[in-house]
Protein backbone atom coordinates (compact mmCIF):
# COMPACT_ATOMS: atom_id res chain seq x y z
CA UNK A 1 36.95 11.36 52.61
CA UNK A 2 34.02 10.67 50.31
CA UNK A 3 30.50 11.92 50.83
CA UNK A 4 27.84 9.46 51.84
CA UNK A 5 25.95 8.17 48.84
CA UNK A 6 22.37 9.35 48.47
CA UNK A 7 19.43 7.04 48.06
CA UNK A 8 18.54 6.37 44.41
CA UNK A 9 15.01 7.62 45.07
CA UNK A 10 16.34 10.94 46.36
CA UNK A 11 18.54 11.32 43.29
CA UNK A 12 15.68 10.40 40.98
CA UNK A 13 13.29 12.90 42.56
CA UNK A 14 15.89 15.66 42.32
CA UNK A 15 16.49 14.94 38.63
CA UNK A 16 12.77 15.13 37.86
CA UNK A 17 12.41 18.35 39.86
CA UNK A 18 15.36 20.02 38.09
CA UNK A 19 14.14 19.02 34.63
CA UNK A 20 10.54 20.00 35.41
CA UNK A 21 11.77 23.41 36.56
CA UNK A 22 13.83 23.80 33.39
CA UNK A 23 10.80 23.13 31.21
CA UNK A 24 8.53 25.36 33.30
CA UNK A 25 10.89 28.31 32.81
CA UNK A 26 10.47 28.02 29.04
CA UNK A 27 6.91 29.32 29.32
CA UNK A 28 8.09 32.92 29.69
CA UNK A 29 10.29 32.50 26.60
CA UNK A 30 7.39 31.76 24.27
CA UNK A 31 7.53 35.30 22.97
CA UNK A 32 7.84 37.37 19.83
CA UNK A 33 10.94 35.42 18.75
CA UNK A 34 8.95 32.21 19.04
CA UNK A 35 6.21 33.71 16.85
CA UNK A 36 8.81 34.78 14.28
CA UNK A 37 10.30 31.27 14.24
CA UNK A 38 6.91 29.69 13.69
CA UNK A 39 6.13 32.13 10.88
CA UNK A 40 9.49 31.58 9.17
CA UNK A 41 9.01 27.81 9.25
CA UNK A 42 5.38 28.05 8.11
CA UNK A 43 6.43 30.14 5.09
CA UNK A 44 9.24 27.74 4.14
CA UNK A 45 8.56 26.29 0.69
CA UNK A 46 11.06 23.48 1.17
CA UNK A 47 11.86 21.29 4.13
CA UNK A 48 12.97 21.98 7.66
CA UNK A 49 16.49 20.60 8.08
CA UNK A 50 17.21 19.97 11.76
CA UNK A 51 20.83 19.61 12.82
CA UNK A 52 22.81 19.19 16.03
CA UNK A 53 25.86 17.36 17.38
CA UNK A 54 26.09 14.79 20.15
CA UNK A 55 23.12 14.75 22.53
CA UNK A 56 21.70 17.78 20.71
CA UNK A 57 21.84 15.69 17.55
CA UNK A 58 19.67 13.02 19.16
CA UNK A 59 17.19 15.69 20.22
CA UNK A 60 17.33 17.10 16.68
CA UNK A 61 16.29 13.73 15.28
CA UNK A 62 13.27 13.62 17.58
CA UNK A 63 12.28 17.19 16.67
CA UNK A 64 12.57 16.40 12.94
CA UNK A 65 10.41 13.31 13.42
CA UNK A 66 7.76 15.25 15.36
CA UNK A 67 7.67 18.02 12.77
CA UNK A 68 7.29 15.54 9.91
CA UNK A 69 4.49 13.62 11.62
CA UNK A 70 2.52 16.80 12.34
CA UNK A 71 2.49 18.29 8.87
CA UNK A 72 5.84 20.07 8.56
CA UNK A 73 8.17 18.16 6.18
CA UNK A 74 11.51 17.78 7.96
CA UNK A 75 14.64 15.68 8.07
CA UNK A 76 17.77 15.42 10.21
CA UNK A 77 21.20 16.41 8.91
CA UNK A 78 24.30 15.29 10.78
CA UNK A 79 26.67 18.29 10.94
CA UNK A 80 29.84 16.23 10.45
CA UNK A 81 28.38 14.41 7.45
CA UNK A 82 27.16 17.75 6.06
CA UNK A 83 30.74 19.03 6.09
CA UNK A 84 31.71 16.07 3.92
CA UNK A 85 29.08 16.26 1.21
CA UNK A 86 25.64 15.83 2.76
CA UNK A 87 25.23 19.60 2.68
CA UNK A 88 24.04 18.98 -0.85
CA UNK A 89 20.62 18.01 0.51
CA UNK A 90 20.04 21.60 1.69
CA UNK A 91 18.65 24.22 -0.71
CA UNK A 92 17.74 27.86 -0.50
CA UNK A 93 14.09 26.86 -0.25
CA UNK A 94 14.74 25.00 2.99
CA UNK A 95 14.96 26.30 6.53
CA UNK A 96 17.58 25.05 8.98
CA UNK A 97 16.81 24.55 12.66
CA UNK A 98 20.07 24.23 14.61
CA UNK A 99 20.08 22.80 18.13
CA UNK A 100 23.07 23.52 20.37
CA UNK A 101 23.46 23.75 24.13
CA UNK A 102 26.57 25.94 23.96
CA UNK A 103 25.72 27.84 20.80
CA UNK A 104 29.35 27.40 19.83
CA UNK A 105 29.27 23.95 18.18
CA UNK A 106 32.22 24.08 15.78
CA UNK A 107 30.74 21.98 12.98
CA UNK A 108 27.52 24.00 12.93
CA UNK A 109 29.33 27.34 13.05
CA UNK A 110 31.24 26.20 9.95
CA UNK A 111 27.99 25.23 8.26
CA UNK A 112 26.40 28.61 8.97
CA UNK A 113 28.54 30.24 6.27
CA UNK A 114 27.34 27.66 3.75
CA UNK A 115 23.73 28.32 4.78
CA UNK A 116 24.27 32.05 4.21
CA UNK A 117 25.69 31.29 0.75
CA UNK A 118 22.65 29.16 -0.09
CA UNK A 119 20.27 31.84 1.17
CA UNK A 120 18.81 29.41 3.70
CA UNK A 121 17.00 30.86 6.72
CA UNK A 122 18.22 29.62 10.10
CA UNK A 123 16.40 29.26 13.42
CA UNK A 124 18.70 28.51 16.36
CA UNK A 125 17.50 26.67 19.44
CA UNK A 126 20.33 27.36 21.86
CA UNK A 127 21.27 27.09 25.50
CA UNK A 128 23.08 30.43 25.44
CA UNK A 129 21.39 33.45 23.91
CA UNK A 130 24.73 35.31 23.89
CA UNK A 131 26.50 32.86 21.57
CA UNK A 132 27.92 32.68 18.08
CA UNK A 133 25.06 30.60 16.67
CA UNK A 134 22.42 32.83 18.26
CA UNK A 135 24.02 35.93 16.72
CA UNK A 136 24.30 34.32 13.27
CA UNK A 137 20.73 32.94 13.11
CA UNK A 138 17.71 34.75 11.71
CA UNK A 139 15.85 33.91 14.92
CA UNK A 140 17.26 32.50 18.16
CA UNK A 141 15.14 30.68 20.74
CA UNK A 142 16.39 30.59 24.32
CA UNK A 143 16.37 27.06 25.78
CA UNK A 144 18.95 27.76 28.49
CA UNK A 145 18.85 26.07 31.90
CA UNK A 146 20.32 27.12 35.24
CA UNK A 147 21.94 23.74 35.80
CA UNK A 148 21.98 20.21 34.51
CA UNK A 149 20.22 17.45 36.42
CA UNK A 150 23.55 15.60 36.46
CA UNK A 151 25.07 15.79 39.96
CA UNK A 152 28.35 16.88 38.33
CA UNK A 153 26.50 19.53 36.30
CA UNK A 154 28.15 18.11 33.19
CA UNK A 155 25.99 15.53 31.36
CA UNK A 156 23.32 17.14 29.12
CA UNK A 157 20.10 16.31 30.96
CA UNK A 158 17.96 19.31 31.84
CA UNK A 159 19.29 21.11 28.74
CA UNK A 160 18.25 18.33 26.37
CA UNK A 161 14.85 18.07 28.06
CA UNK A 162 14.34 21.82 27.60
CA UNK A 163 15.43 21.67 23.95
CA UNK A 164 13.03 18.78 23.30
CA UNK A 165 10.14 20.66 24.93
CA UNK A 166 10.86 23.76 22.87
CA UNK A 167 10.96 21.62 19.74
CA UNK A 168 7.58 20.12 20.62
CA UNK A 169 6.19 23.62 21.18
CA UNK A 170 7.34 24.63 17.71
CA UNK A 171 5.87 21.53 16.09
CA UNK A 172 2.45 21.86 17.70
CA UNK A 173 2.27 25.61 17.10
CA UNK A 174 3.04 24.93 13.44
CA UNK A 175 0.46 22.18 13.31
CA UNK A 176 -2.26 24.58 14.44
CA UNK A 177 -0.88 27.41 12.27
CA UNK A 178 -1.29 25.18 9.21
CA UNK A 179 -4.71 23.85 10.20
CA UNK A 180 -3.40 20.28 10.40
CA UNK A 181 -6.36 18.09 11.43
CA UNK A 182 -7.05 14.51 12.51
CA UNK A 183 -7.59 13.34 8.93
CA UNK A 184 -4.22 14.78 7.93
CA UNK A 185 -2.56 13.06 10.87
CA UNK A 186 -4.19 9.76 9.94
CA UNK A 187 -2.85 10.00 6.38
CA UNK A 188 0.68 10.15 7.80
CA UNK A 189 -0.01 7.29 10.23
CA UNK A 190 -1.91 4.72 8.12
CA UNK A 191 -0.88 1.81 10.34
CA UNK A 192 -1.89 3.50 13.57
CA UNK A 193 -5.23 3.07 15.31
CA UNK A 194 -6.37 6.56 14.25
CA UNK A 195 -5.48 5.91 10.63
CA UNK A 196 -7.42 2.68 10.64
CA UNK A 197 -10.42 4.35 12.26
CA UNK A 198 -10.58 6.84 9.41
CA UNK A 199 -9.57 4.66 6.48
CA UNK A 200 -10.32 0.98 7.16
CA UNK A 201 -13.41 -0.10 5.20
CA UNK A 202 -15.64 -3.10 5.69
CA UNK A 203 -14.67 -4.55 2.29
CA UNK A 204 -11.06 -4.89 3.48
CA UNK A 205 -11.90 -7.28 6.33
CA UNK A 206 -15.18 -8.97 5.36
CA UNK A 207 -15.65 -12.64 4.50
CA UNK A 208 -16.90 -13.22 0.94
CA UNK A 209 -17.75 -15.76 -1.75
CA UNK A 210 -17.08 -19.35 -0.69
CA UNK A 211 -16.64 -18.26 2.92
CA UNK A 212 -20.31 -17.31 3.18
CA UNK A 213 -22.65 -19.74 5.00
CA UNK A 214 -25.84 -19.94 2.92
CA UNK A 215 -28.97 -22.05 3.52
CA UNK A 216 -32.46 -22.13 2.00
CA UNK A 217 -35.62 -21.21 3.86
CA UNK A 218 -36.67 -24.88 3.87
CA UNK A 219 -33.26 -26.19 5.08
CA UNK A 220 -33.52 -28.32 8.20
CA UNK A 221 -31.72 -27.59 11.45
CA UNK A 222 -29.07 -30.26 10.91
CA UNK A 223 -27.91 -28.83 7.59
CA UNK A 224 -28.09 -25.30 9.00
CA UNK A 225 -25.92 -26.28 11.96
CA UNK A 226 -23.46 -27.96 9.61
CA UNK A 227 -23.19 -24.86 7.43
CA UNK A 228 -22.65 -22.59 10.44
CA UNK A 229 -20.03 -24.96 11.82
CA UNK A 230 -18.12 -25.33 8.55
CA UNK A 231 -17.96 -21.62 7.74
CA UNK A 232 -17.13 -20.64 11.35
CA UNK A 233 -18.82 -17.26 11.31
CA UNK A 234 -21.51 -18.06 13.86
CA UNK A 235 -24.31 -17.21 11.43
CA UNK A 236 -26.10 -18.47 8.34
CA UNK A 237 -27.61 -16.47 5.50
CA UNK A 238 -31.16 -17.64 4.82
CA UNK A 239 -32.19 -17.24 1.17
CA UNK A 240 -35.70 -17.38 -0.26
CA UNK A 241 -36.56 -19.42 -3.36
CA UNK A 242 -36.68 -16.26 -5.48
CA UNK A 243 -33.05 -15.46 -4.69
CA UNK A 244 -33.79 -12.69 -2.21
CA UNK A 245 -32.47 -12.53 1.33
CA UNK A 246 -35.01 -13.91 3.80
CA UNK A 247 -33.17 -13.55 7.09
CA UNK A 248 -30.33 -14.63 9.35
CA UNK A 249 -29.82 -17.46 11.81
CA UNK A 250 -27.14 -17.19 14.47
CA UNK A 251 -25.74 -19.95 16.63
CA UNK A 252 -27.31 -18.02 19.51
CA UNK A 253 -30.73 -18.35 17.86
CA UNK A 254 -30.28 -22.12 17.71
CA UNK A 255 -29.14 -22.40 21.32
CA UNK A 256 -32.09 -20.39 22.56
CA UNK A 257 -34.47 -22.50 20.48
CA UNK A 258 -33.03 -25.70 21.96
CA UNK A 259 -33.41 -24.29 25.47
CA UNK A 260 -37.07 -23.42 24.84
CA UNK A 261 -37.97 -26.54 22.88
CA UNK A 262 -35.65 -29.53 22.82
CA UNK A 263 -37.40 -30.91 19.72
CA UNK A 264 -36.45 -28.53 16.90
CA UNK A 265 -34.63 -30.85 14.49
CA UNK A 266 -37.69 -31.10 12.29
CA UNK A 267 -38.06 -27.33 12.01
CA UNK A 268 -36.90 -25.28 9.03
CA UNK A 269 -34.49 -22.39 8.83
CA UNK A 270 -37.37 -20.07 8.04
CA UNK A 271 -39.06 -20.85 11.35
CA UNK A 272 -35.92 -19.99 13.33
CA UNK A 273 -34.49 -17.06 11.41
CA UNK A 274 -34.59 -13.35 12.22
CA UNK A 275 -36.01 -11.23 9.44
CA UNK A 276 -34.61 -7.86 8.33
CA UNK A 277 -31.03 -8.42 9.47
CA UNK A 278 -28.71 -5.45 9.90
CA UNK A 279 -26.41 -4.70 6.98
CA UNK A 280 -23.91 -2.17 5.67
CA UNK A 281 -22.32 -1.35 2.33
CA UNK A 282 -18.76 -2.33 1.39
CA UNK A 283 -17.57 1.27 1.70
CA UNK A 284 -18.81 1.64 5.28
CA UNK A 285 -15.95 2.55 7.67
CA UNK A 286 -15.16 -0.44 9.87
CA UNK A 287 -15.48 1.72 12.98
CA UNK A 288 -19.06 2.57 11.96
CA UNK A 289 -19.84 -1.11 11.50
CA UNK A 290 -18.52 -1.76 15.01
CA UNK A 291 -20.71 1.00 16.41
CA UNK A 292 -23.78 -0.59 14.78
CA UNK A 293 -22.91 -3.98 16.28
CA UNK A 294 -22.50 -2.43 19.72
CA UNK A 295 -25.75 -0.47 19.42
CA UNK A 296 -27.81 -3.57 18.56
CA UNK A 297 -25.77 -6.08 20.61
CA UNK A 298 -24.96 -8.23 17.57
CA UNK A 299 -21.70 -9.78 16.42
CA UNK A 300 -21.97 -9.64 12.63
CA UNK A 301 -23.39 -7.64 9.74
CA UNK A 302 -24.24 -8.53 6.17
CA UNK A 303 -22.33 -6.52 3.59
CA UNK A 304 -23.65 -5.37 0.21
CA UNK A 305 -21.66 -3.86 -2.65
CA UNK A 306 -23.59 -0.62 -2.51
CA UNK A 307 -26.57 0.84 -0.71
CA UNK A 308 -29.03 -1.57 -2.35
CA UNK A 309 -30.26 -4.33 -0.07
CA UNK A 310 -30.98 -7.17 -2.49
CA UNK A 311 -29.94 -10.78 -3.18
CA UNK A 312 -27.09 -12.70 -1.60
CA UNK A 313 -24.82 -10.38 0.40
CA UNK A 314 -21.36 -9.68 -0.95
CA UNK A 315 -19.96 -10.61 2.42
CA UNK A 316 -20.23 -10.81 6.17
CA UNK A 317 -18.17 -8.80 8.65
CA UNK A 318 -17.78 -10.23 12.14
CA UNK A 319 -16.89 -8.28 15.26
CA UNK A 320 -13.78 -10.45 15.65
CA UNK A 321 -12.55 -9.26 12.23
CA UNK A 322 -12.74 -5.66 13.41
CA UNK A 323 -11.05 -6.35 16.73
CA UNK A 324 -8.24 -8.31 15.04
CA UNK A 325 -7.60 -5.42 12.64
CA UNK A 326 -6.23 -3.33 15.51
CA UNK A 327 -8.96 -0.73 15.09
CA UNK A 328 -9.65 -0.41 18.82
């Protein structure tokens, strides 16, 4: 006679509760051994080589990735491949972090003798403190769990969650130990939003040269409208006869003028322009340009090659250019 099946929601809640409890119990294991592991890794002059088999191998890959992205050079080594030649990527300057639920993983136990021969330090992240790997390692971290979240208590579930959490704890502790800051993180994530916030410059996204809409102070409204329409930036640069910048006209300026006085076609650009337009240099961070636009409720800025405000701008940066860059 089979037992009545439980509701999926009941099973799901139980799994989350078991795994949450497994992680919570790790707090009391952040002890002197954890400090020693962090110090050993921090003093490593080579790379951290993370290795594990099966589900522990998948967790090892995530730990290696997290370490690498937070300032600790690391890579994953498959134990079986290591036994057939890939061990050559490990040197005495490296440190090996082994992940094993049982602490008896055959392939890794075999590799331990090679690590000893190379003079490589080993940190073990194990599910059994009284195990072969724990006894052979320089430092052993206890990531044991009372039971798996699997109803058969077989599939690695709570144990892999605990190992992953301990790996994250190591990575973040190392990050702070090394003084790894936001700028460092951005350098390793140049395509991410944070990287762009720190590194994207106005010159990389501005419109320049033939894309610039330029009119003279005595240009009429029709030619000004045509220039704004053709260049599709919503603004026109108004230049004085002496070659200096006189002001800016936006499509909003023209709409407001039409609303106030329907007869403006005989007026000049000079009579409609705004003097002293906002501008930035080419090296201005794009995020700073966006902040200026938001502060003054404008949608574009003139761009000059340096901090000298003179002559025709080198370019124009529009708010849409910044938004399309993925900066926000």
